[in-house]
PDB file of N, CA and C in Angstrom:
ATOM      1  N   SER A   1     109.848  71.859  71.279  1.00  0.00           N
ATOM      2  CA  SER A   1     108.587  72.049  70.573  1.00  0.00           C
ATOM      3  C   SER A   1     107.675  72.964  71.382  1.00  0.00           C
ATOM      4  N   ALA A   2     106.779  73.608  70.711  1.00  0.00           N
ATOM      5  CA  ALA A   2     105.890  74.570  71.374  1.00  0.00           C
ATOM      6  C   ALA A   2     104.928  73.855  72.314  1.00  0.00           C
ATOM      7  N   SER A   3     104.627  74.512  73.414  1.00  0.00           N
ATOM      8  CA  SER A   3     103.673  73.955  74.368  1.00  0.00           C
ATOM      9  C   SER A   3     102.261  74.199  73.876  1.00  0.00           C
ATOM     10  N   LYS A   4     101.419  73.198  74.030  1.00  0.00           N
ATOM     11  CA  LYS A   4     100.014  73.335  73.657  1.00  0.00           C
ATOM     12  C   LYS A   4      99.210  73.330  74.948  1.00  0.00           C
ATOM     13  N   THR A   5      98.315  74.298  75.088  1.00  0.00           N
ATOM     14  CA  THR A   5      97.500  74.370  76.289  1.00  0.00           C
ATOM     15  C   THR A   5      96.096  73.876  75.997  1.00  0.00           C
ATOM     16  N   THR A   6      95.615  72.970  76.839  1.00  0.00           N
ATOM     17  CA  THR A   6      94.240  72.500  76.790  1.00  0.00           C
ATOM     18  C   THR A   6      93.542  73.076  78.013  1.00  0.00           C
ATOM     19  N   VAL A   7      92.309  73.532  77.847  1.00  0.00           N
ATOM     20  CA  VAL A   7      91.558  74.108  78.958  1.00  0.00           C
ATOM     21  C   VAL A   7      90.307  73.281  79.215  1.00  0.00           C
ATOM     22  N   VAL A   8      90.066  72.982  80.489  1.00  0.00           N
ATOM     23  CA  VAL A   8      88.848  72.304  80.927  1.00  0.00           C
ATOM     24  C   VAL A   8      88.074  73.316  81.769  1.00  0.00           C
ATOM     25  N   LEU A   9      86.821  73.568  81.411  1.00  0.00           N
ATOM     26  CA  LEU A   9      85.988  74.497  82.179  1.00  0.00           C
ATOM     27  C   LEU A   9      85.097  73.727  83.151  1.00  0.00           C
ATOM     28  N   PHE A  10      84.760  74.373  84.257  1.00  0.00           N
ATOM     29  CA  PHE A  10      83.961  73.738  85.315  1.00  0.00           C
ATOM     30  C   PHE A  10      82.725  74.567  85.641  1.00  0.00           C
ATOM     31  N   LYS A  11      81.700  73.904  86.150  1.00  0.00           N
ATOM     32  CA  LYS A  11      80.518  74.599  86.646  1.00  0.00           C
ATOM     33  C   LYS A  11      80.863  75.294  87.957  1.00  0.00           C
ATOM     34  N   LEU A  12      80.025  76.243  88.347  1.00  0.00           N
ATOM     35  CA  LEU A  12      80.222  76.998  89.577  1.00  0.00           C
ATOM     36  C   LEU A  12      80.392  76.061  90.766  1.00  0.00           C
ATOM     37  N   ASN A  13      81.450  76.273  91.514  1.00  0.00           N
ATOM     38  CA  ASN A  13      81.721  75.530  92.752  1.00  0.00           C
ATOM     39  C   ASN A  13      81.885  74.024  92.543  1.00  0.00           C
ATOM     40  N   SER A  14      82.275  73.618  91.344  1.00  0.00           N
ATOM     41  CA  SER A  14      82.401  72.198  91.031  1.00  0.00           C
ATOM     42  C   SER A  14      83.810  71.867  90.553  1.00  0.00           C
ATOM     43  N   ALA A  15      84.240  70.636  90.854  1.00  0.00           N
ATOM     44  CA  ALA A  15      85.506  70.127  90.315  1.00  0.00           C
ATOM     45  C   ALA A  15      85.220  68.887  89.472  1.00  0.00           C
ATOM     46  N   GLN A  16      83.980  68.729  89.040  1.00  0.00           N
ATOM     47  CA  GLN A  16      83.601  67.562  88.235  1.00  0.00           C
ATOM     48  C   GLN A  16      83.854  67.844  86.758  1.00  0.00           C
ATOM     49  N   ILE A  17      84.525  66.904  86.094  1.00  0.00           N
ATOM     50  CA  ILE A  17      84.853  67.065  84.681  1.00  0.00           C
ATOM     51  C   ILE A  17      83.644  66.661  83.839  1.00  0.00           C
ATOM     52  N   ALA A  18      83.181  67.586  83.010  1.00  0.00           N
ATOM     53  CA  ALA A  18      82.042  67.310  82.133  1.00  0.00           C
ATOM     54  C   ALA A  18      82.441  66.300  81.060  1.00  0.00           C
ATOM     55  N   ALA A  19      81.469  65.492  80.643  1.00  0.00           N
ATOM     56  CA  ALA A  19      81.713  64.437  79.642  1.00  0.00           C
ATOM     57  C   ALA A  19      82.284  64.986  78.337  1.00  0.00           C
ATOM     58  N   SER A  20      81.965  66.235  78.029  1.00  0.00           N
ATOM     59  CA  SER A  20      82.456  66.839  76.781  1.00  0.00           C
ATOM     60  C   SER A  20      83.981  66.976  76.754  1.00  0.00           C
ATOM     61  N   TYR A  21      84.622  66.861  77.917  1.00  0.00           N
ATOM     62  CA  TYR A  21      86.084  66.967  77.979  1.00  0.00           C
ATOM     63  C   TYR A  21      86.773  65.603  77.947  1.00  0.00           C
ATOM     64  N   HIS A  22      86.018  64.514  77.977  1.00  0.00           N
ATOM     65  CA  HIS A  22      86.646  63.188  77.994  1.00  0.00           C
ATOM     66  C   HIS A  22      87.498  62.944  76.758  1.00  0.00           C
ATOM     67  N   ARG A  23      86.972  63.263  75.580  1.00  0.00           N
ATOM     68  CA  ARG A  23      87.729  63.005  74.349  1.00  0.00           C
ATOM     69  C   ARG A  23      89.037  63.792  74.295  1.00  0.00           C
ATOM     70  N   PRO A  24      89.022  65.120  74.540  1.00  0.00           N
ATOM     71  CA  PRO A  24      90.315  65.835  74.527  1.00  0.00           C
ATOM     72  C   PRO A  24      91.286  65.337  75.597  1.00  0.00           C
ATOM     73  N   LEU A  25      90.784  64.970  76.775  1.00  0.00           N
ATOM     74  CA  LEU A  25      91.666  64.448  77.830  1.00  0.00           C
ATOM     75  C   LEU A  25      92.203  63.071  77.455  1.00  0.00           C
ATOM     76  N   ASP A  26      91.388  62.262  76.782  1.00  0.00           N
ATOM     77  CA  ASP A  26      91.857  60.957  76.311  1.00  0.00           C
ATOM     78  C   ASP A  26      93.009  61.132  75.324  1.00  0.00           C
ATOM     79  N   SER A  27      92.933  62.168  74.475  1.00  0.00           N
ATOM     80  CA  SER A  27      94.010  62.453  73.519  1.00  0.00           C
ATOM     81  C   SER A  27      95.295  62.842  74.239  1.00  0.00           C
ATOM     82  N   VAL A  28      95.168  63.643  75.286  1.00  0.00           N
ATOM     83  CA  VAL A  28      96.334  64.028  76.096  1.00  0.00           C
ATOM     84  C   VAL A  28      96.950  62.773  76.726  1.00  0.00           C
ATOM     85  N   ALA A  29      96.106  61.913  77.288  1.00  0.00           N
ATOM     86  CA  ALA A  29      96.592  60.684  77.932  1.00  0.00           C
ATOM     87  C   ALA A  29      97.323  59.798  76.929  1.00  0.00           C
ATOM     88  N   LYS A  30      96.758  59.661  75.741  1.00  0.00           N
ATOM     89  CA  LYS A  30      97.364  58.820  74.702  1.00  0.00           C
ATOM     90  C   LYS A  30      98.760  59.333  74.333  1.00  0.00           C
ATOM     91  N   LEU A  31      98.876  60.641  74.172  1.00  0.00           N
ATOM     92  CA  LEU A  31     100.153  61.269  73.842  1.00  0.00           C
ATOM     93  C   LEU A  31     101.178  61.042  74.956  1.00  0.00           C
ATOM     94  N   MET A  32     100.733  61.209  76.204  1.00  0.00           N
ATOM     95  CA  MET A  32     101.641  61.065  77.340  1.00  0.00           C
ATOM     96  C   MET A  32     102.083  59.622  77.557  1.00  0.00           C
ATOM     97  N   LYS A  33     101.202  58.681  77.255  1.00  0.00           N
ATOM     98  CA  LYS A  33     101.566  57.266  77.389  1.00  0.00           C
ATOM     99  C   LYS A  33     102.528  56.843  76.283  1.00  0.00           C
ATOM    100  N   ALA A  34     102.404  57.477  75.124  1.00  0.00           N
ATOM    101  CA  ALA A  34     103.290  57.163  73.999  1.00  0.00           C
ATOM    102  C   ALA A  34     104.693  57.717  74.233  1.00  0.00           C
ATOM    103  N   ASN A  35     104.797  58.769  75.012  1.00  0.00           N
ATOM    104  CA  ASN A  35     106.093  59.375  75.319  1.00  0.00           C
ATOM    105  C   ASN A  35     106.155  59.680  76.812  1.00  0.00           C
ATOM    106  N   ARG A  36     106.763  58.764  77.568  1.00  0.00           N
ATOM    107  CA  ARG A  36     106.809  58.884  79.029  1.00  0.00           C
ATOM    108  C   ARG A  36     107.701  60.011  79.517  1.00  0.00           C
ATOM    109  N   LYS A  37     108.444  60.669  78.598  1.00  0.00           N
ATOM    110  CA  LYS A  37     109.278  61.803  79.003  1.00  0.00           C
ATOM    111  C   LYS A  37     108.454  63.073  79.119  1.00  0.00           C
ATOM    112  N   ILE A  38     107.285  63.085  78.472  1.00  0.00           N
ATOM    113  CA  ILE A  38     106.424  64.272  78.517  1.00  0.00           C
ATOM    114  C   ILE A  38     105.873  64.456  79.919  1.00  0.00           C
ATOM    115  N   LYS A  39     105.929  65.688  80.394  1.00  0.00           N
ATOM    116  CA  LYS A  39     105.306  66.040  81.666  1.00  0.00           C
ATOM    117  C   LYS A  39     104.177  67.022  81.375  1.00  0.00           C
ATOM    118  N   LEU A  40     103.237  67.071  82.315  1.00  0.00           N
ATOM    119  CA  LEU A  40     102.074  67.926  82.157  1.00  0.00           C
ATOM    120  C   LEU A  40     101.898  68.775  83.403  1.00  0.00           C
ATOM    121  N   GLN A  41     101.804  70.082  83.208  1.00  0.00           N
ATOM    122  CA  GLN A  41     101.505  71.006  84.307  1.00  0.00           C
ATOM    123  C   GLN A  41     100.001  71.273  84.259  1.00  0.00           C
ATOM    124  N   VAL A  42      99.294  70.938  85.342  1.00  0.00           N
ATOM    125  CA  VAL A  42      97.853  71.193  85.429  1.00  0.00           C
ATOM    126  C   VAL A  42      97.626  72.253  86.502  1.00  0.00           C
ATOM    127  N   SER A  43      97.116  73.415  86.090  1.00  0.00           N
ATOM    128  CA  SER A  43      96.871  74.516  87.015  1.00  0.00           C
ATOM    129  C   SER A  43      95.374  74.767  87.118  1.00  0.00           C
ATOM    130  N   GLY A  44      94.854  74.723  88.347  1.00  0.00           N
ATOM    131  CA  GLY A  44      93.437  74.975  88.570  1.00  0.00           C
ATOM    132  C   GLY A  44      93.189  76.426  88.937  1.00  0.00           C
ATOM    133  N   TYR A  45      92.050  76.945  88.492  1.00  0.00           N
ATOM    134  CA  TYR A  45      91.666  78.336  88.759  1.00  0.00           C
ATOM    135  C   TYR A  45      90.176  78.408  89.105  1.00  0.00           C
ATOM    136  N   THR A  46      89.779  79.523  89.722  1.00  0.00           N
ATOM    137  CA  THR A  46      88.369  79.765  90.025  1.00  0.00           C
ATOM    138  C   THR A  46      87.998  81.173  89.566  1.00  0.00           C
ATOM    139  N   ASP A  47      86.698  81.469  89.616  1.00  0.00           N
ATOM    140  CA  ASP A  47      86.285  82.861  89.441  1.00  0.00           C
ATOM    141  C   ASP A  47      86.450  83.561  90.785  1.00  0.00           C
ATOM    142  N   ASN A  48      85.929  84.773  90.913  1.00  0.00           N
ATOM    143  CA  ASN A  48      86.162  85.521  92.153  1.00  0.00           C
ATOM    144  C   ASN A  48      84.995  85.413  93.144  1.00  0.00           C
ATOM    145  N   THR A  49      84.082  84.447  92.931  1.00  0.00           N
ATOM    146  CA  THR A  49      82.991  84.238  93.893  1.00  0.00           C
ATOM    147  C   THR A  49      83.550  83.466  95.087  1.00  0.00           C
ATOM    148  N   GLY A  50      83.074  83.772  96.280  1.00  0.00           N
ATOM    149  CA  GLY A  50      83.533  83.038  97.460  1.00  0.00           C
ATOM    150  C   GLY A  50      84.829  83.591  98.017  1.00  0.00           C
ATOM    151  N   THR A  51      85.242  83.030  99.156  1.00  0.00           N
ATOM    152  CA  THR A  51      86.462  83.496  99.816  1.00  0.00           C
ATOM    153  C   THR A  51      87.690  82.971  99.086  1.00  0.00           C
ATOM    154  N   GLU A  52      88.802  83.641  99.242  1.00  0.00           N
ATOM    155  CA  GLU A  52      90.036  83.196  98.583  1.00  0.00           C
ATOM    156  C   GLU A  52      90.484  81.849  99.141  1.00  0.00           C
ATOM    157  N   LYS A  53      90.234  81.623 100.434  1.00  0.00           N
ATOM    158  CA  LYS A  53      90.590  80.329 101.037  1.00  0.00           C
ATOM    159  C   LYS A  53      89.817  79.199 100.351  1.00  0.00           C
ATOM    160  N   HIS A  54      88.511  79.399 100.182  1.00  0.00           N
ATOM    161  CA  HIS A  54      87.661  78.406  99.503  1.00  0.00           C
ATOM    162  C   HIS A  54      88.120  78.212  98.059  1.00  0.00           C
ATOM    163  N   ASN A  55      88.420  79.325  97.383  1.00  0.00           N
ATOM    164  CA  ASN A  55      88.823  79.258  95.980  1.00  0.00           C
ATOM    165  C   ASN A  55      90.147  78.526  95.798  1.00  0.00           C
ATOM    166  N   LYS A  56      91.048  78.696  96.753  1.00  0.00           N
ATOM    167  CA  LYS A  56      92.335  77.998  96.686  1.00  0.00           C
ATOM    168  C   LYS A  56      92.112  76.480  96.736  1.00  0.00           C
ATOM    169  N   VAL A  57      91.282  76.045  97.682  1.00  0.00           N
ATOM    170  CA  VAL A  57      90.966  74.612  97.818  1.00  0.00           C
ATOM    171  C   VAL A  57      90.270  74.092  96.559  1.00  0.00           C
ATOM    172  N   LEU A  58      89.301  74.850  96.051  1.00  0.00           N
ATOM    173  CA  LEU A  58      88.560  74.447  94.854  1.00  0.00           C
ATOM    174  C   LEU A  58      89.484  74.366  93.640  1.00  0.00           C
ATOM    175  N   SER A  59      90.404  75.311  93.518  1.00  0.00           N
ATOM    176  CA  SER A  59      91.321  75.301  92.376  1.00  0.00           C
ATOM    177  C   SER A  59      92.250  74.082  92.424  1.00  0.00           C
ATOM    178  N   VAL A  60      92.681  73.703  93.620  1.00  0.00           N
ATOM    179  CA  VAL A  60      93.495  72.487  93.784  1.00  0.00           C
ATOM    180  C   VAL A  60      92.655  71.262  93.397  1.00  0.00           C
ATOM    181  N   SER A  61      91.401  71.225  93.835  1.00  0.00           N
ATOM    182  CA  SER A  61      90.510  70.102  93.507  1.00  0.00           C
ATOM    183  C   SER A  61      90.304  69.964  92.002  1.00  0.00           C
ATOM    184  N   ARG A  62      90.203  71.072  91.304  1.00  0.00           N
ATOM    185  CA  ARG A  62      90.026  71.038  89.846  1.00  0.00           C
ATOM    186  C   ARG A  62      91.266  70.472  89.163  1.00  0.00           C
ATOM    187  N   ALA A  63      92.435  70.916  89.589  1.00  0.00           N
ATOM    188  CA  ALA A  63      93.677  70.397  89.009  1.00  0.00           C
ATOM    189  C   ALA A  63      93.809  68.899  89.293  1.00  0.00           C
ATOM    190  N   ARG A  64      93.478  68.506  90.525  1.00  0.00           N
ATOM    191  CA  ARG A  64      93.583  67.092  90.899  1.00  0.00           C
ATOM    192  C   ARG A  64      92.567  66.221  90.171  1.00  0.00           C
ATOM    193  N   ALA A  65      91.383  66.760  89.890  1.00  0.00           N
ATOM    194  CA  ALA A  65      90.366  66.005  89.148  1.00  0.00           C
ATOM    195  C   ALA A  65      90.875  65.653  87.753  1.00  0.00           C
ATOM    196  N   VAL A  66      91.542  66.604  87.116  1.00  0.00           N
ATOM    197  CA  VAL A  66      92.123  66.360  85.798  1.00  0.00           C
ATOM    198  C   VAL A  66      93.231  65.315  85.907  1.00  0.00           C
ATOM    199  N   ALA A  67      94.100  65.464  86.910  1.00  0.00           N
ATOM    200  CA  ALA A  67      95.199  64.508  87.110  1.00  0.00           C
ATOM    201  C   ALA A  67      94.642  63.100  87.341  1.00  0.00           C
ATOM    202  N   PHE A  68      93.624  62.987  88.193  1.00  0.00           N
ATOM    203  CA  PHE A  68      93.024  61.691  88.509  1.00  0.00           C
ATOM    204  C   PHE A  68      92.436  61.049  87.253  1.00  0.00           C
ATOM    205  N   TYR A  69      91.786  61.842  86.426  1.00  0.00           N
ATOM    206  CA  TYR A  69      91.224  61.335  85.172  1.00  0.00           C
ATOM    207  C   TYR A  69      92.339  60.734  84.310  1.00  0.00           C
ATOM    208  N   LEU A  70      93.445  61.466  84.181  1.00  0.00           N
ATOM    209  CA  LEU A  70      94.557  61.001  83.341  1.00  0.00           C
ATOM    210  C   LEU A  70      95.241  59.769  83.942  1.00  0.00           C
ATOM    211  N   LEU A  71      95.356  59.717  85.259  1.00  0.00           N
ATOM    212  CA  LEU A  71      95.954  58.547  85.915  1.00  0.00           C
ATOM    213  C   LEU A  71      95.110  57.296  85.652  1.00  0.00           C
ATOM    214  N   LYS A  72      93.792  57.456  85.687  1.00  0.00           N
ATOM    215  CA  LYS A  72      92.899  56.324  85.399  1.00  0.00           C
ATOM    216  C   LYS A  72      93.063  55.835  83.972  1.00  0.00           C
ATOM    217  N   LYS A  73      93.529  56.728  83.076  1.00  0.00           N
ATOM    218  CA  LYS A  73      93.748  56.363  81.677  1.00  0.00           C
ATOM    219  C   LYS A  73      95.150  55.804  81.443  1.00  0.00           C
ATOM    220  N   GLY A  74      95.956  55.680  82.506  1.00  0.00           N
ATOM    221  CA  GLY A  74      97.259  55.037  82.370  1.00  0.00           C
ATOM    222  C   GLY A  74      98.466  55.949  82.351  1.00  0.00           C
ATOM    223  N   VAL A  75      98.252  57.248  82.526  1.00  0.00           N
ATOM    224  CA  VAL A  75      99.386  58.174  82.622  1.00  0.00           C
ATOM    225  C   VAL A  75     100.067  57.930  83.966  1.00  0.00           C
ATOM    226  N   LYS A  76     101.383  58.043  84.005  1.00  0.00           N
ATOM    227  CA  LYS A  76     102.141  57.817  85.243  1.00  0.00           C
ATOM    228  C   LYS A  76     102.111  59.058  86.135  1.00  0.00           C
ATOM    229  N   ARG A  77     102.029  58.829  87.450  1.00  0.00           N
ATOM    230  CA  ARG A  77     101.938  59.927  88.421  1.00  0.00           C
ATOM    231  C   ARG A  77     103.074  60.929  88.255  1.00  0.00           C
ATOM    232  N   GLY A  78     104.266  60.437  88.002  1.00  0.00           N
ATOM    233  CA  GLY A  78     105.425  61.315  87.868  1.00  0.00           C
ATOM    234  C   GLY A  78     105.391  62.237  86.666  1.00  0.00           C
ATOM    235  N   GLN A  79     104.445  62.011  85.767  1.00  0.00           N
ATOM    236  CA  GLN A  79     104.340  62.856  84.579  1.00  0.00           C
ATOM    237  C   GLN A  79     103.472  64.091  84.818  1.00  0.00           C
ATOM    238  N   ILE A  80     102.765  64.131  85.946  1.00  0.00           N
ATOM    239  CA  ILE A  80     101.794  65.205  86.176  1.00  0.00           C
ATOM    240  C   ILE A  80     102.169  66.057  87.388  1.00  0.00           C
ATOM    241  N   ILE A  81     102.175  67.363  87.180  1.00  0.00           N
ATOM    242  CA  ILE A  81     102.420  68.323  88.253  1.00  0.00           C
ATOM    243  C   ILE A  81     101.139  69.143  88.388  1.00  0.00           C
ATOM    244  N   THR A  82     100.553  69.187  89.595  1.00  0.00           N
ATOM    245  CA  THR A  82      99.321  69.953  89.776  1.00  0.00           C
ATOM    246  C   THR A  82      99.547  71.138  90.696  1.00  0.00           C
ATOM    247  N   SER A  83      98.783  72.198  90.473  1.00  0.00           N
ATOM    248  CA  SER A  83      98.799  73.342  91.384  1.00  0.00           C
ATOM    249  C   SER A  83      97.464  74.055  91.326  1.00  0.00           C
ATOM    250  N   GLY A  84      97.099  74.673  92.447  1.00  0.00           N
ATOM    251  CA  GLY A  84      95.866  75.451  92.520  1.00  0.00           C
ATOM    252  C   GLY A  84      96.210  76.918  92.681  1.00  0.00           C
ATOM    253  N   LYS A  85      95.642  77.741  91.821  1.00  0.00           N
ATOM    254  CA  LYS A  85      95.984  79.167  91.788  1.00  0.00           C
ATOM    255  C   LYS A  85      94.881  80.059  92.347  1.00  0.00           C
ATOM    256  N   GLY A  86      93.797  79.468  92.848  1.00  0.00           N
ATOM    257  CA  GLY A  86      92.704  80.282  93.367  1.00  0.00           C
ATOM    258  C   GLY A  86      92.069  81.124  92.279  1.00  0.00           C
ATOM    259  N   SER A  87      91.669  82.359  92.635  1.00  0.00           N
ATOM    260  CA  SER A  87      91.005  83.229  91.654  1.00  0.00           C
ATOM    261  C   SER A  87      92.004  84.147  90.950  1.00  0.00           C
ATOM    262  N   GLY A  88      93.290  83.942  91.207  1.00  0.00           N
ATOM    263  CA  GLY A  88      94.316  84.745  90.553  1.00  0.00           C
ATOM    264  C   GLY A  88      94.374  84.465  89.062  1.00  0.00           C
ATOM    265  N   ASN A  89      94.909  85.402  88.305  1.00  0.00           N
ATOM    266  CA  ASN A  89      95.146  85.228  86.879  1.00  0.00           C
ATOM    267  C   ASN A  89      93.878  84.936  86.080  1.00  0.00           C
ATOM    268  N   PRO A  90      92.811  85.745  86.229  1.00  0.00           N
ATOM    269  CA  PRO A  90      91.610  85.515  85.419  1.00  0.00           C
ATOM    270  C   PRO A  90      91.904  85.732  83.933  1.00  0.00           C
ATOM    271  N   VAL A  91      91.247  84.956  83.078  1.00  0.00           N
ATOM    272  CA  VAL A  91      91.418  85.106  81.632  1.00  0.00           C
ATOM    273  C   VAL A  91      90.274  85.915  81.031  1.00  0.00           C
ATOM    274  N   ALA A  92      89.274  86.231  81.861  1.00  0.00           N
ATOM    275  CA  ALA A  92      88.100  86.973  81.400  1.00  0.00           C
ATOM    276  C   ALA A  92      87.586  87.832  82.549  1.00  0.00           C
ATOM    277  N   PRO A  93      86.766  88.844  82.237  1.00  0.00           N
ATOM    278  CA  PRO A  93      86.176  89.636  83.323  1.00  0.00           C
ATOM    279  C   PRO A  93      85.267  88.761  84.183  1.00  0.00           C
ATOM    280  N   ASN A  94      85.245  89.008  85.477  1.00  0.00           N
ATOM    281  CA  ASN A  94      84.360  88.259  86.368  1.00  0.00           C
ATOM    282  C   ASN A  94      82.974  88.926  86.381  1.00  0.00           C
ATOM    283  N   ASP A  95      82.343  88.953  85.204  1.00  0.00           N
ATOM    284  CA  ASP A  95      80.977  89.464  85.108  1.00  0.00           C
ATOM    285  C   ASP A  95      80.056  88.311  84.716  1.00  0.00           C
ATOM    286  N   LYS A  96      78.772  88.595  84.665  1.00  0.00           N
ATOM    287  CA  LYS A  96      77.779  87.531  84.468  1.00  0.00           C
ATOM    288  C   LYS A  96      78.018  86.720  83.198  1.00  0.00           C
ATOM    289  N   GLU A  97      78.466  87.374  82.135  1.00  0.00           N
ATOM    290  CA  GLU A  97      78.606  86.683  80.857  1.00  0.00           C
ATOM    291  C   GLU A  97      79.919  85.918  80.694  1.00  0.00           C
ATOM    292  N   HIS A  98      80.967  86.323  81.391  1.00  0.00           N
ATOM    293  CA  HIS A  98      82.300  85.780  81.105  1.00  0.00           C
ATOM    294  C   HIS A  98      82.951  85.011  82.249  1.00  0.00           C
ATOM    295  N   THR A  99      82.406  85.128  83.452  1.00  0.00           N
ATOM    296  CA  THR A  99      83.086  84.572  84.623  1.00  0.00           C
ATOM    297  C   THR A  99      83.310  83.064  84.522  1.00  0.00           C
ATOM    298  N   TYR A 100      82.430  82.368  83.780  1.00  0.00           N
ATOM    299  CA  TYR A 100      82.589  80.915  83.625  1.00  0.00           C
ATOM    300  C   TYR A 100      83.939  80.550  83.008  1.00  0.00           C
ATOM    301  N   LEU A 101      84.515  81.438  82.214  1.00  0.00           N
ATOM    302  CA  LEU A 101      85.812  81.170  81.580  1.00  0.00           C
ATOM    303  C   LEU A 101      86.944  81.096  82.598  1.00  0.00           C
ATOM    304  N   ASN A 102      86.737  81.673  83.776  1.00  0.00           N
ATOM    305  CA  ASN A 102      87.756  81.644  84.824  1.00  0.00           C
ATOM    306  C   ASN A 102      87.688  80.381  85.674  1.00  0.00           C
ATOM    307  N   ARG A 103      86.593  79.639  85.585  1.00  0.00           N
ATOM    308  CA  ARG A 103      86.443  78.378  86.321  1.00  0.00           C
ATOM    309  C   ARG A 103      87.047  77.276  85.458  1.00  0.00           C
ATOM    310  N   ARG A 104      88.367  77.081  85.611  1.00  0.00           N
ATOM    311  CA  ARG A 104      89.054  76.249  84.622  1.00  0.00           C
ATOM    312  C   ARG A 104      90.253  75.530  85.213  1.00  0.00           C
ATOM    313  N   ALA A 105      90.721  74.543  84.452  1.00  0.00           N
ATOM    314  CA  ALA A 105      92.034  73.959  84.674  1.00  0.00           C
ATOM    315  C   ALA A 105      92.775  74.100  83.348  1.00  0.00           C
ATOM    316  N   GLU A 106      94.002  74.560  83.406  1.00  0.00           N
ATOM    317  CA  GLU A 106      94.843  74.679  82.219  1.00  0.00           C
ATOM    318  C   GLU A 106      95.864  73.571  82.225  1.00  0.00           C
ATOM    319  N   LEU A 107      95.953  72.856  81.106  1.00  0.00           N
ATOM    320  CA  LEU A 107      96.911  71.758  80.968  1.00  0.00           C
ATOM    321  C   LEU A 107      97.975  72.196  79.981  1.00  0.00           C
ATOM    322  N   MET A 108      99.231  72.209  80.430  1.00  0.00           N
ATOM    323  CA  MET A 108     100.316  72.566  79.539  1.00  0.00           C
ATOM    324  C   MET A 108     101.351  71.460  79.478  1.00  0.00           C
ATOM    325  N   LEU A 109     101.582  70.953  78.290  1.00  0.00           N
ATOM    326  CA  LEU A 109     102.594  69.904  78.098  1.00  0.00           C
ATOM    327  C   LEU A 109     103.978  70.511  78.188  1.00  0.00           C
ATOM    328  N   ILE A 110     104.864  69.820  78.909  1.00  0.00           N
ATOM    329  CA  ILE A 110     106.245  70.261  79.062  1.00  0.00           C
ATOM    330  C   ILE A 110     107.121  69.163  78.469  1.00  0.00           C
ATOM    331  N   GLN A 111     107.930  69.497  77.493  1.00  0.00           N
ATOM    332  CA  GLN A 111     108.800  68.487  76.871  1.00  0.00           C
ATOM    333  C   GLN A 111     110.081  68.333  77.685  1.00  0.00           C
TER     334      GLN A 111
END
């Protein structure tokens, strides 16, 4: 089946999940608990502000924040793979209007 990607956006220099993402993440958790064979790849990203070393750590923190949220909802640890990609692979220009789109975690279900 086709992979569906869910994106969680973050504030500048933050790995805190905004309340507006609780409902979509709860849906992901429900699906994963219903089918324990499903795995989830969570990749964290940053914009290009700050050093690459800092961005790498922040991107890992963002991916882990999503994983921790799902674990608290009953998803099994073995179902989640996390990685931090730093500021690599931007989905938008790093300008004043669009850079927030790069501060994200991407969740991809793997069957």
